[in-house]
């Protein structure tokens, strides 16, 4: 019964994206000059049967759109993605997560003025 409640909580809460901005990096320049700040955006979603998004698609294209929205909100005019990682938690609580799979995508990048 607890697993069912957990799955219901996951269904209704894994529908967001968070972003974290870092501006203190000791003034060290990046490869293309000095970025204004670094940005990490994490998108959370829920897939059906591991591959079909049902609550907020957390795959790369949608996560990139979210990243660029956060970059614009932080007054960036261009960015460069440094790292991308997508994790599908299909084996978190089998067999339940085979049916409803939490998905997390994290993008890290440099944002320039």
PDB file of N, CA and C in Angstrom:
ATOM      1  N   UNK A   1       0.817  -1.197   0.000  1.00  0.00           N
ATOM      2  CA  UNK A   1       0.000   0.000   0.000  1.00  0.00           C
ATOM      3  C   UNK A   1       0.862   1.264   0.000  1.00  0.00           C
ATOM      4  N   UNK A   2       1.999   1.214   0.709  1.00  0.00           N
ATOM      5  CA  UNK A   2       2.885   2.381   0.744  1.00  0.00           C
ATOM      6  C   UNK A   2       3.462   2.676  -0.635  1.00  0.00           C
ATOM      7  N   UNK A   3       3.726   1.626  -1.403  1.00  0.00           N
ATOM      8  CA  UNK A   3       4.266   1.833  -2.746  1.00  0.00           C
ATOM      9  C   UNK A   3       3.243   2.515  -3.649  1.00  0.00           C
ATOM     10  N   UNK A   4       1.988   2.186  -3.470  1.00  0.00           N
ATOM     11  CA  UNK A   4       0.940   2.828  -4.264  1.00  0.00           C
ATOM     12  C   UNK A   4       0.869   4.312  -3.934  1.00  0.00           C
ATOM     13  N   UNK A   5       0.936   4.646  -2.653  1.00  0.00           N
ATOM     14  CA  UNK A   5       0.936   6.056  -2.261  1.00  0.00           C
ATOM     15  C   UNK A   5       2.158   6.781  -2.807  1.00  0.00           C
ATOM     16  N   UNK A   6       3.294   6.122  -2.770  1.00  0.00           N
ATOM     17  CA  UNK A   6       4.513   6.717  -3.304  1.00  0.00           C
ATOM     18  C   UNK A   6       4.366   6.996  -4.798  1.00  0.00           C
ATOM     19  N   UNK A   7       3.800   6.063  -5.530  1.00  0.00           N
ATOM     20  CA  UNK A   7       3.614   6.257  -6.964  1.00  0.00           C
ATOM     21  C   UNK A   7       2.637   7.397  -7.246  1.00  0.00           C
ATOM     22  N   UNK A   8       1.594   7.522  -6.444  1.00  0.00           N
ATOM     23  CA  UNK A   8       0.659   8.638  -6.626  1.00  0.00           C
ATOM     24  C   UNK A   8       1.334   9.975  -6.339  1.00  0.00           C
ATOM     25  N   UNK A   9       2.164  10.009  -5.315  1.00  0.00           N
ATOM     26  CA  UNK A   9       2.903  11.240  -5.004  1.00  0.00           C
ATOM     27  C   UNK A   9       3.851  11.580  -6.152  1.00  0.00           C
ATOM     28  N   UNK A  10       4.553  10.580  -6.673  1.00  0.00           N
ATOM     29  CA  UNK A  10       5.458  10.813  -7.796  1.00  0.00           C
ATOM     30  C   UNK A  10       4.704  11.312  -9.022  1.00  0.00           C
ATOM     31  N   UNK A  11       3.526  10.756  -9.258  1.00  0.00           N
ATOM     32  CA  UNK A  11       2.738  11.135 -10.423  1.00  0.00           C
ATOM     33  C   UNK A  11       2.392  12.616 -10.409  1.00  0.00           C
ATOM     34  N   UNK A  12       2.074  13.145  -9.234  1.00  0.00           N
ATOM     35  CA  UNK A  12       1.624  14.531  -9.162  1.00  0.00           C
ATOM     36  C   UNK A  12       2.713  15.529  -8.795  1.00  0.00           C
ATOM     37  N   UNK A  13       3.865  15.066  -8.350  1.00  0.00           N
ATOM     38  CA  UNK A  13       4.917  16.010  -7.975  1.00  0.00           C
ATOM     39  C   UNK A  13       6.051  16.087  -8.978  1.00  0.00           C
ATOM     40  N   UNK A  14       6.290  15.057  -9.739  1.00  0.00           N
ATOM     41  CA  UNK A  14       7.386  15.090 -10.709  1.00  0.00           C
ATOM     42  C   UNK A  14       6.917  15.796 -11.979  1.00  0.00           C
ATOM     43  N   UNK A  15       6.765  17.080 -11.885  1.00  0.00           N
ATOM     44  CA  UNK A  15       6.251  17.855 -13.000  1.00  0.00           C
ATOM     45  C   UNK A  15       6.860  19.246 -12.971  1.00  0.00           C
ATOM     46  N   UNK A  16       8.183  19.319 -12.820  1.00  0.00           N
ATOM     47  CA  UNK A  16       8.781  20.637 -12.663  1.00  0.00           C
ATOM     48  C   UNK A  16      10.211  20.646 -13.184  1.00  0.00           C
ATOM     49  N   UNK A  17      10.780  21.837 -13.149  1.00  0.00           N
ATOM     50  CA  UNK A  17      12.193  22.017 -13.472  1.00  0.00           C
ATOM     51  C   UNK A  17      12.765  23.004 -12.472  1.00  0.00           C
ATOM     52  N   UNK A  18      13.997  22.775 -12.073  1.00  0.00           N
ATOM     53  CA  UNK A  18      14.670  23.693 -11.162  1.00  0.00           C
ATOM     54  C   UNK A  18      15.944  24.189 -11.832  1.00  0.00           C
ATOM     55  N   UNK A  19      16.384  25.351 -11.396  1.00  0.00           N
ATOM     56  CA  UNK A  19      17.588  25.923 -11.974  1.00  0.00           C
ATOM     57  C   UNK A  19      18.430  26.543 -10.880  1.00  0.00           C
ATOM     58  N   UNK A  20      19.740  26.436 -11.045  1.00  0.00           N
ATOM     59  CA  UNK A  20      20.676  26.979 -10.069  1.00  0.00           C
ATOM     60  C   UNK A  20      21.741  27.766 -10.822  1.00  0.00           C
ATOM     61  N   UNK A  21      21.990  28.974 -10.358  1.00  0.00           N
ATOM     62  CA  UNK A  21      22.925  29.888 -11.016  1.00  0.00           C
ATOM     63  C   UNK A  21      24.177  30.039 -10.160  1.00  0.00           C
ATOM     64  N   UNK A  22      25.354  29.978 -10.794  1.00  0.00           N
ATOM     65  CA  UNK A  22      26.624  30.173 -10.088  1.00  0.00           C
ATOM     66  C   UNK A  22      27.372  31.327 -10.748  1.00  0.00           C
ATOM     67  N   UNK A  23      27.736  32.319  -9.953  1.00  0.00           N
ATOM     68  CA  UNK A  23      28.428  33.490 -10.498  1.00  0.00           C
ATOM     69  C   UNK A  23      29.841  33.642  -9.961  1.00  0.00           C
ATOM     70  N   UNK A  24      30.176  32.953  -8.896  1.00  0.00           N
ATOM     71  CA  UNK A  24      31.514  33.083  -8.305  1.00  0.00           C
ATOM     72  C   UNK A  24      32.388  31.930  -8.779  1.00  0.00           C
ATOM     73  N   UNK A  25      33.315  32.216  -9.659  1.00  0.00           N
ATOM     74  CA  UNK A  25      34.225  31.188 -10.148  1.00  0.00           C
ATOM     75  C   UNK A  25      35.640  31.729 -10.256  1.00  0.00           C
ATOM     76  N   UNK A  26      35.997  32.619  -9.335  1.00  0.00           N
ATOM     77  CA  UNK A  26      37.345  33.184  -9.206  1.00  0.00           C
ATOM     78  C   UNK A  26      37.835  33.915 -10.447  1.00  0.00           C
ATOM     79  N   UNK A  27      36.915  34.369 -11.293  1.00  0.00           N
ATOM     80  CA  UNK A  27      37.300  35.149 -12.463  1.00  0.00           C
ATOM     81  C   UNK A  27      38.036  34.384 -13.540  1.00  0.00           C
ATOM     82  N   UNK A  28      38.059  33.066 -13.446  1.00  0.00           N
ATOM     83  CA  UNK A  28      38.756  32.248 -14.441  1.00  0.00           C
ATOM     84  C   UNK A  28      37.968  32.271 -15.748  1.00  0.00           C
ATOM     85  N   UNK A  29      38.628  32.524 -16.883  1.00  0.00           N
ATOM     86  CA  UNK A  29      37.900  32.542 -18.149  1.00  0.00           C
ATOM     87  C   UNK A  29      37.627  31.123 -18.645  1.00  0.00           C
ATOM     88  N   UNK A  30      36.556  30.994 -19.408  1.00  0.00           N
ATOM     89  CA  UNK A  30      36.254  29.722 -20.066  1.00  0.00           C
ATOM     90  C   UNK A  30      36.968  29.714 -21.417  1.00  0.00           C
ATOM     91  N   UNK A  31      36.750  28.693 -22.208  1.00  0.00           N
ATOM     92  CA  UNK A  31      37.409  28.586 -23.503  1.00  0.00           C
ATOM     93  C   UNK A  31      37.069  29.715 -24.460  1.00  0.00           C
ATOM     94  N   UNK A  32      35.847  30.219 -24.413  1.00  0.00           N
ATOM     95  CA  UNK A  32      35.407  31.285 -25.317  1.00  0.00           C
ATOM     96  C   UNK A  32      35.385  32.642 -24.630  1.00  0.00           C
ATOM     97  N   UNK A  33      36.141  32.816 -23.593  1.00  0.00           N
ATOM     98  CA  UNK A  33      36.107  34.066 -22.849  1.00  0.00           C
ATOM     99  C   UNK A  33      35.450  33.849 -21.503  1.00  0.00           C
ATOM    100  N   UNK A  34      35.176  34.927 -20.820  1.00  0.00           N
ATOM    101  CA  UNK A  34      34.622  34.835 -19.474  1.00  0.00           C
ATOM    102  C   UNK A  34      33.088  34.800 -19.520  1.00  0.00           C
ATOM    103  N   UNK A  35      32.463  33.703 -19.068  1.00  0.00           N
ATOM    104  CA  UNK A  35      31.001  33.674 -19.036  1.00  0.00           C
ATOM    105  C   UNK A  35      30.472  34.565 -17.914  1.00  0.00           C
ATOM    106  N   UNK A  36      29.253  35.040 -18.097  1.00  0.00           N
ATOM    107  CA  UNK A  36      28.612  35.841 -17.061  1.00  0.00           C
ATOM    108  C   UNK A  36      28.301  34.976 -15.844  1.00  0.00           C
ATOM    109  N   UNK A  37      27.794  33.762 -16.099  1.00  0.00           N
ATOM    110  CA  UNK A  37      27.516  32.825 -15.012  1.00  0.00           C
ATOM    111  C   UNK A  37      27.357  31.417 -15.578  1.00  0.00           C
ATOM    112  N   UNK A  38      27.350  30.461 -14.682  1.00  0.00           N
ATOM    113  CA  UNK A  38      27.080  29.069 -15.032  1.00  0.00           C
ATOM    114  C   UNK A  38      25.671  28.747 -14.577  1.00  0.00           C
ATOM    115  N   UNK A  39      25.008  27.859 -15.299  1.00  0.00           N
ATOM    116  CA  UNK A  39      23.623  27.533 -15.002  1.00  0.00           C
ATOM    117  C   UNK A  39      23.444  26.022 -15.039  1.00  0.00           C
ATOM    118  N   UNK A  40      22.769  25.496 -14.023  1.00  0.00           N
ATOM    119  CA  UNK A  40      22.417  24.073 -13.996  1.00  0.00           C
ATOM    120  C   UNK A  40      20.904  23.986 -13.909  1.00  0.00           C
ATOM    121  N   UNK A  41      20.301  23.295 -14.863  1.00  0.00           N
ATOM    122  CA  UNK A  41      18.853  23.129 -14.893  1.00  0.00           C
ATOM    123  C   UNK A  41      18.534  21.645 -14.832  1.00  0.00           C
ATOM    124  N   UNK A  42      17.638  21.285 -13.925  1.00  0.00           N
ATOM    125  CA  UNK A  42      17.218  19.898 -13.763  1.00  0.00           C
ATOM    126  C   UNK A  42      15.726  19.806 -14.045  1.00  0.00           C
ATOM    127  N   UNK A  43      15.352  18.945 -14.995  1.00  0.00           N
ATOM    128  CA  UNK A  43      13.952  18.741 -15.357  1.00  0.00           C
ATOM    129  C   UNK A  43      13.504  17.377 -14.857  1.00  0.00           C
ATOM    130  N   UNK A  44      12.312  17.343 -14.272  1.00  0.00           N
ATOM    131  CA  UNK A  44      11.741  16.104 -13.751  1.00  0.00           C
ATOM    132  C   UNK A  44      10.490  15.780 -14.545  1.00  0.00           C
ATOM    133  N   UNK A  45      10.313  14.509 -14.869  1.00  0.00           N
ATOM    134  CA  UNK A  45       9.137  14.093 -15.615  1.00  0.00           C
ATOM    135  C   UNK A  45       8.717  12.691 -15.228  1.00  0.00           C
ATOM    136  N   UNK A  46       7.633  12.254 -15.815  1.00  0.00           N
ATOM    137  CA  UNK A  46       7.108  10.923 -15.549  1.00  0.00           C
ATOM    138  C   UNK A  46       6.728  10.294 -16.879  1.00  0.00           C
ATOM    139  N   UNK A  47       7.254   9.102 -17.138  1.00  0.00           N
ATOM    140  CA  UNK A  47       6.970   8.379 -18.371  1.00  0.00           C
ATOM    141  C   UNK A  47       6.117   7.159 -18.077  1.00  0.00           C
ATOM    142  N   UNK A  48       5.327   6.771 -19.057  1.00  0.00           N
ATOM    143  CA  UNK A  48       4.580   5.519 -18.994  1.00  0.00           C
ATOM    144  C   UNK A  48       5.372   4.478 -19.772  1.00  0.00           C
ATOM    145  N   UNK A  49       5.498   3.301 -19.200  1.00  0.00           N
ATOM    146  CA  UNK A  49       6.214   2.190 -19.837  1.00  0.00           C
ATOM    147  C   UNK A  49       7.620   2.607 -20.279  1.00  0.00           C
ATOM    148  N   UNK A  50       8.279   3.368 -19.469  1.00  0.00           N
ATOM    149  CA  UNK A  50       9.667   3.811 -19.595  1.00  0.00           C
ATOM    150  C   UNK A  50       9.887   4.866 -20.691  1.00  0.00           C
ATOM    151  N   UNK A  51       9.173   4.811 -21.802  1.00  0.00           N
ATOM    152  CA  UNK A  51       9.516   5.698 -22.922  1.00  0.00           C
ATOM    153  C   UNK A  51       8.450   6.719 -23.318  1.00  0.00           C
ATOM    154  N   UNK A  52       7.226   6.614 -22.827  1.00  0.00           N
ATOM    155  CA  UNK A  52       6.160   7.523 -23.257  1.00  0.00           C
ATOM    156  C   UNK A  52       5.899   8.586 -22.196  1.00  0.00           C
ATOM    157  N   UNK A  53       6.223   9.849 -22.467  1.00  0.00           N
ATOM    158  CA  UNK A  53       6.019  10.900 -21.462  1.00  0.00           C
ATOM    159  C   UNK A  53       4.536  11.147 -21.193  1.00  0.00           C
ATOM    160  N   UNK A  54       4.178  11.215 -19.903  1.00  0.00           N
ATOM    161  CA  UNK A  54       2.792  11.528 -19.551  1.00  0.00           C
ATOM    162  C   UNK A  54       2.693  12.784 -18.691  1.00  0.00           C
ATOM    163  N   UNK A  55       3.684  13.064 -17.886  1.00  0.00           N
ATOM    164  CA  UNK A  55       3.719  14.285 -17.083  1.00  0.00           C
ATOM    165  C   UNK A  55       5.034  14.977 -17.385  1.00  0.00           C
ATOM    166  N   UNK A  56       4.995  16.083 -18.045  1.00  0.00           N
ATOM    167  CA  UNK A  56       6.174  16.897 -18.369  1.00  0.00           C
ATOM    168  C   UNK A  56       7.279  16.058 -18.993  1.00  0.00           C
ATOM    169  N   UNK A  57       7.487  16.233 -20.250  1.00  0.00           N
ATOM    170  CA  UNK A  57       8.537  15.514 -20.954  1.00  0.00           C
ATOM    171  C   UNK A  57       9.897  16.030 -20.490  1.00  0.00           C
ATOM    172  N   UNK A  58      10.684  15.190 -19.869  1.00  0.00           N
ATOM    173  CA  UNK A  58      11.994  15.581 -19.336  1.00  0.00           C
ATOM    174  C   UNK A  58      13.130  15.126 -20.244  1.00  0.00           C
ATOM    175  N   UNK A  59      12.834  14.868 -21.499  1.00  0.00           N
ATOM    176  CA  UNK A  59      13.883  14.467 -22.433  1.00  0.00           C
ATOM    177  C   UNK A  59      14.701  15.686 -22.852  1.00  0.00           C
ATOM    178  N   UNK A  60      15.761  15.466 -23.630  1.00  0.00           N
ATOM    179  CA  UNK A  60      16.717  16.526 -23.947  1.00  0.00           C
ATOM    180  C   UNK A  60      16.106  17.753 -24.635  1.00  0.00           C
ATOM    181  N   UNK A  61      15.299  17.617 -25.699  1.00  0.00           N
ATOM    182  CA  UNK A  61      14.802  18.833 -26.374  1.00  0.00           C
ATOM    183  C   UNK A  61      13.997  19.755 -25.452  1.00  0.00           C
ATOM    184  N   UNK A  62      13.133  19.179 -24.644  1.00  0.00           N
ATOM    185  CA  UNK A  62      12.332  19.987 -23.729  1.00  0.00           C
ATOM    186  C   UNK A  62      13.189  20.572 -22.611  1.00  0.00           C
ATOM    187  N   UNK A  63      14.164  19.812 -22.147  1.00  0.00           N
ATOM    188  CA  UNK A  63      15.070  20.312 -21.110  1.00  0.00           C
ATOM    189  C   UNK A  63      15.940  21.444 -21.645  1.00  0.00           C
ATOM    190  N   UNK A  64      16.345  21.353 -22.897  1.00  0.00           N
ATOM    191  CA  UNK A  64      17.128  22.422 -23.515  1.00  0.00           C
ATOM    192  C   UNK A  64      16.298  23.698 -23.627  1.00  0.00           C
ATOM    193  N   UNK A  65      15.028  23.553 -23.953  1.00  0.00           N
ATOM    194  CA  UNK A  65      14.135  24.715 -24.008  1.00  0.00           C
ATOM    195  C   UNK A  65      14.003  25.361 -22.630  1.00  0.00           C
ATOM    196  N   UNK A  66      13.872  24.546 -21.598  1.00  0.00           N
ATOM    197  CA  UNK A  66      13.793  25.069 -20.230  1.00  0.00           C
ATOM    198  C   UNK A  66      15.094  25.761 -19.843  1.00  0.00           C
ATOM    199  N   UNK A  67      16.225  25.161 -20.204  1.00  0.00           N
ATOM    200  CA  UNK A  67      17.532  25.760 -19.912  1.00  0.00           C
ATOM    201  C   UNK A  67      17.645  27.137 -20.567  1.00  0.00           C
ATOM    202  N   UNK A  68      17.258  27.219 -21.842  1.00  0.00           N
ATOM    203  CA  UNK A  68      17.372  28.501 -22.545  1.00  0.00           C
ATOM    204  C   UNK A  68      16.417  29.539 -21.973  1.00  0.00           C
ATOM    205  N   UNK A  69      15.248  29.123 -21.492  1.00  0.00           N
ATOM    206  CA  UNK A  69      14.330  30.061 -20.826  1.00  0.00           C
ATOM    207  C   UNK A  69      14.959  30.635 -19.565  1.00  0.00           C
ATOM    208  N   UNK A  70      15.577  29.772 -18.763  1.00  0.00           N
ATOM    209  CA  UNK A  70      16.246  30.250 -17.548  1.00  0.00           C
ATOM    210  C   UNK A  70      17.433  31.151 -17.899  1.00  0.00           C
ATOM    211  N   UNK A  71      18.147  30.828 -18.971  1.00  0.00           N
ATOM    212  CA  UNK A  71      19.275  31.671 -19.384  1.00  0.00           C
ATOM    213  C   UNK A  71      18.785  33.062 -19.788  1.00  0.00           C
ATOM    214  N   UNK A  72      17.667  33.128 -20.514  1.00  0.00           N
ATOM    215  CA  UNK A  72      17.093  34.425 -20.899  1.00  0.00           C
ATOM    216  C   UNK A  72      16.641  35.216 -19.678  1.00  0.00           C
ATOM    217  N   UNK A  73      16.024  34.531 -18.729  1.00  0.00           N
ATOM    218  CA  UNK A  73      15.562  35.209 -17.513  1.00  0.00           C
ATOM    219  C   UNK A  73      16.726  35.786 -16.714  1.00  0.00           C
ATOM    220  N   UNK A  74      17.899  35.180 -16.847  1.00  0.00           N
ATOM    221  CA  UNK A  74      19.092  35.668 -16.156  1.00  0.00           C
ATOM    222  C   UNK A  74      19.929  36.577 -17.053  1.00  0.00           C
ATOM    223  N   UNK A  75      19.304  37.177 -18.054  1.00  0.00           N
ATOM    224  CA  UNK A  75      19.912  38.178 -18.943  1.00  0.00           C
ATOM    225  C   UNK A  75      21.046  37.634 -19.799  1.00  0.00           C
ATOM    226  N   UNK A  76      20.958  36.382 -20.179  1.00  0.00           N
ATOM    227  CA  UNK A  76      21.954  35.808 -21.075  1.00  0.00           C
ATOM    228  C   UNK A  76      21.541  35.980 -22.527  1.00  0.00           C
ATOM    229  N   UNK A  77      22.516  36.174 -23.405  1.00  0.00           N
ATOM    230  CA  UNK A  77      22.229  36.301 -24.834  1.00  0.00           C
ATOM    231  C   UNK A  77      22.685  35.070 -25.616  1.00  0.00           C
ATOM    232  N   UNK A  78      23.615  34.314 -25.054  1.00  0.00           N
ATOM    233  CA  UNK A  78      24.024  33.047 -25.666  1.00  0.00           C
ATOM    234  C   UNK A  78      24.527  32.124 -24.564  1.00  0.00           C
ATOM    235  N   UNK A  79      24.543  30.831 -24.874  1.00  0.00           N
ATOM    236  CA  UNK A  79      24.991  29.850 -23.885  1.00  0.00           C
ATOM    237  C   UNK A  79      25.706  28.712 -24.586  1.00  0.00           C
ATOM    238  N   UNK A  80      26.401  27.927 -23.794  1.00  0.00           N
ATOM    239  CA  UNK A  80      27.080  26.734 -24.287  1.00  0.00           C
ATOM    240  C   UNK A  80      26.847  25.620 -23.283  1.00  0.00           C
ATOM    241  N   UNK A  81      26.301  24.499 -23.748  1.00  0.00           N
ATOM    242  CA  UNK A  81      26.044  23.349 -22.881  1.00  0.00           C
ATOM    243  C   UNK A  81      27.366  22.623 -22.629  1.00  0.00           C
ATOM    244  N   UNK A  82      27.646  22.370 -21.358  1.00  0.00           N
ATOM    245  CA  UNK A  82      28.867  21.668 -20.974  1.00  0.00           C
ATOM    246  C   UNK A  82      28.585  20.192 -20.714  1.00  0.00           C
ATOM    247  N   UNK A  83      27.455  19.910 -20.068  1.00  0.00           N
ATOM    248  CA  UNK A  83      27.152  18.535 -19.667  1.00  0.00           C
ATOM    249  C   UNK A  83      25.659  18.288 -19.754  1.00  0.00           C
ATOM    250  N   UNK A  84      25.297  17.075 -20.180  1.00  0.00           N
ATOM    251  CA  UNK A  84      23.900  16.644 -20.243  1.00  0.00           C
ATOM    252  C   UNK A  84      23.815  15.229 -19.690  1.00  0.00           C
ATOM    253  N   UNK A  85      22.852  15.006 -18.830  1.00  0.00           N
ATOM    254  CA  UNK A  85      22.663  13.669 -18.277  1.00  0.00           C
ATOM    255  C   UNK A  85      21.174  13.405 -18.111  1.00  0.00           C
ATOM    256  N   UNK A  86      20.705  12.292 -18.668  1.00  0.00           N
ATOM    257  CA  UNK A  86      19.311  11.873 -18.522  1.00  0.00           C
ATOM    258  C   UNK A  86      19.291  10.522 -17.828  1.00  0.00           C
ATOM    259  N   UNK A  87      18.463  10.420 -16.793  1.00  0.00           N
ATOM    260  CA  UNK A  87      18.336   9.167 -16.053  1.00  0.00           C
ATOM    261  C   UNK A  87      16.873   8.761 -16.017  1.00  0.00           C
ATOM    262  N   UNK A  88      16.599   7.546 -16.444  1.00  0.00           N
ATOM    263  CA  UNK A  88      15.256   6.970 -16.344  1.00  0.00           C
ATOM    264  C   UNK A  88      15.308   5.942 -15.223  1.00  0.00           C
ATOM    265  N   UNK A  89      14.532   6.180 -14.180  1.00  0.00           N
ATOM    266  CA  UNK A  89      14.579   5.350 -12.973  1.00  0.00           C
ATOM    267  C   UNK A  89      13.624   4.156 -13.084  1.00  0.00           C
ATOM    268  N   UNK A  90      13.786   3.342 -14.116  1.00  0.00           N
ATOM    269  CA  UNK A  90      12.902   2.205 -14.351  1.00  0.00           C
ATOM    270  C   UNK A  90      13.071   1.106 -13.307  1.00  0.00           C
ATOM    271  N   UNK A  91      14.254   0.987 -12.722  1.00  0.00           N
ATOM    272  CA  UNK A  91      14.510  -0.085 -11.762  1.00  0.00           C
ATOM    273  C   UNK A  91      14.487   0.416 -10.322  1.00  0.00           C
ATOM    274  N   UNK A  92      13.863   1.565 -10.080  1.00  0.00           N
ATOM    275  CA  UNK A  92      13.786   2.118  -8.735  1.00  0.00           C
ATOM    276  C   UNK A  92      12.904   1.256  -7.834  1.00  0.00           C
ATOM    277  N   UNK A  93      11.692   0.983  -8.245  1.00  0.00           N
ATOM    278  CA  UNK A  93      10.755   0.132  -7.493  1.00  0.00           C
ATOM    279  C   UNK A  93      10.019  -0.801  -8.455  1.00  0.00           C
ATOM    280  N   UNK A  94      10.727  -1.770  -9.050  1.00  0.00           N
ATOM    281  CA  UNK A  94      10.042  -2.657  -9.990  1.00  0.00           C
ATOM    282  C   UNK A  94       8.969  -3.471  -9.283  1.00  0.00           C
ATOM    283  N   UNK A  95       7.916  -3.796  -9.914  1.00  0.00           N
ATOM    284  CA  UNK A  95       7.483  -3.565 -11.296  1.00  0.00           C
ATOM    285  C   UNK A  95       6.739  -2.235 -11.479  1.00  0.00           C
ATOM    286  N   UNK A  96       6.505  -1.486 -10.404  1.00  0.00           N
ATOM    287  CA  UNK A  96       5.735  -0.240 -10.508  1.00  0.00           C
ATOM    288  C   UNK A  96       6.416   0.782 -11.409  1.00  0.00           C
ATOM    289  N   UNK A  97       7.733   0.899 -11.299  1.00  0.00           N
ATOM    290  CA  UNK A  97       8.428   1.896 -12.106  1.00  0.00           C
ATOM    291  C   UNK A  97       8.644   1.443 -13.551  1.00  0.00           C
ATOM    292  N   UNK A  98       8.284   0.216 -13.872  1.00  0.00           N
ATOM    293  CA  UNK A  98       8.240  -0.173 -15.278  1.00  0.00           C
ATOM    294  C   UNK A  98       7.020   0.467 -15.936  1.00  0.00           C
ATOM    295  N   UNK A  99       5.961   0.642 -15.164  1.00  0.00           N
ATOM    296  CA  UNK A  99       4.721   1.235 -15.672  1.00  0.00           C
ATOM    297  C   UNK A  99       4.797   2.759 -15.624  1.00  0.00           C
ATOM    298  N   UNK A 100       5.180   3.322 -14.487  1.00  0.00           N
ATOM    299  CA  UNK A 100       5.343   4.771 -14.312  1.00  0.00           C
ATOM    300  C   UNK A 100       6.797   5.044 -13.943  1.00  0.00           C
ATOM    301  N   UNK A 101       7.544   5.563 -14.882  1.00  0.00           N
ATOM    302  CA  UNK A 101       8.986   5.734 -14.720  1.00  0.00           C
ATOM    303  C   UNK A 101       9.356   7.197 -14.489  1.00  0.00           C
ATOM    304  N   UNK A 102       9.947   7.527 -13.330  1.00  0.00           N
ATOM    305  CA  UNK A 102      10.459   8.888 -13.137  1.00  0.00           C
ATOM    306  C   UNK A 102      11.673   9.126 -14.042  1.00  0.00           C
ATOM    307  N   UNK A 103      11.741  10.326 -14.619  1.00  0.00           N
ATOM    308  CA  UNK A 103      12.835  10.693 -15.517  1.00  0.00           C
ATOM    309  C   UNK A 103      13.428  12.016 -15.039  1.00  0.00           C
ATOM    310  N   UNK A 104      14.760  12.085 -15.012  1.00  0.00           N
ATOM    311  CA  UNK A 104      15.460  13.302 -14.593  1.00  0.00           C
ATOM    312  C   UNK A 104      16.506  13.640 -15.653  1.00  0.00           C
ATOM    313  N   UNK A 105      16.493  14.884 -16.140  1.00  0.00           N
ATOM    314  CA  UNK A 105      17.506  15.357 -17.084  1.00  0.00           C
ATOM    315  C   UNK A 105      18.168  16.588 -16.499  1.00  0.00           C
ATOM    316  N   UNK A 106      19.502  16.572 -16.478  1.00  0.00           N
ATOM    317  CA  UNK A 106      20.259  17.706 -15.946  1.00  0.00           C
ATOM    318  C   UNK A 106      21.152  18.277 -17.042  1.00  0.00           C
ATOM    319  N   UNK A 107      21.057  19.591 -17.234  1.00  0.00           N
ATOM    320  CA  UNK A 107      21.905  20.308 -18.180  1.00  0.00           C
ATOM    321  C   UNK A 107      22.741  21.318 -17.420  1.00  0.00           C
ATOM    322  N   UNK A 108      24.026  21.385 -17.742  1.00  0.00           N
ATOM    323  CA  UNK A 108      24.931  22.364 -17.141  1.00  0.00           C
ATOM    324  C   UNK A 108      25.570  23.131 -18.289  1.00  0.00           C
ATOM    325  N   UNK A 109      25.622  24.453 -18.153  1.00  0.00           N
ATOM    326  CA  UNK A 109      26.199  25.241 -19.226  1.00  0.00           C
ATOM    327  C   UNK A 109      26.701  26.594 -18.785  1.00  0.00           C
ATOM    328  N   UNK A 110      27.430  27.231 -19.695  1.00  0.00           N
ATOM    329  CA  UNK A 110      27.928  28.585 -19.494  1.00  0.00           C
ATOM    330  C   UNK A 110      26.950  29.549 -20.161  1.00  0.00           C
ATOM    331  N   UNK A 111      26.667  30.665 -19.494  1.00  0.00           N
ATOM    332  CA  UNK A 111      25.771  31.679 -20.052  1.00  0.00           C
ATOM    333  C   UNK A 111      26.568  32.968 -20.205  1.00  0.00           C
ATOM    334  N   UNK A 112      26.471  33.560 -21.399  1.00  0.00           N
ATOM    335  CA  UNK A 112      27.215  34.779 -21.719  1.00  0.00           C
ATOM    336  C   UNK A 112      26.252  35.942 -21.901  1.00  0.00           C
ATOM    337  N   UNK A 113      26.737  37.163 -21.620  1.00  0.00           N
ATOM    338  CA  UNK A 113      25.949  38.377 -21.875  1.00  0.00           C
ATOM    339  C   UNK A 113      25.964  38.713 -23.336  1.00  0.00           C
TER     340      UNK A 113
END
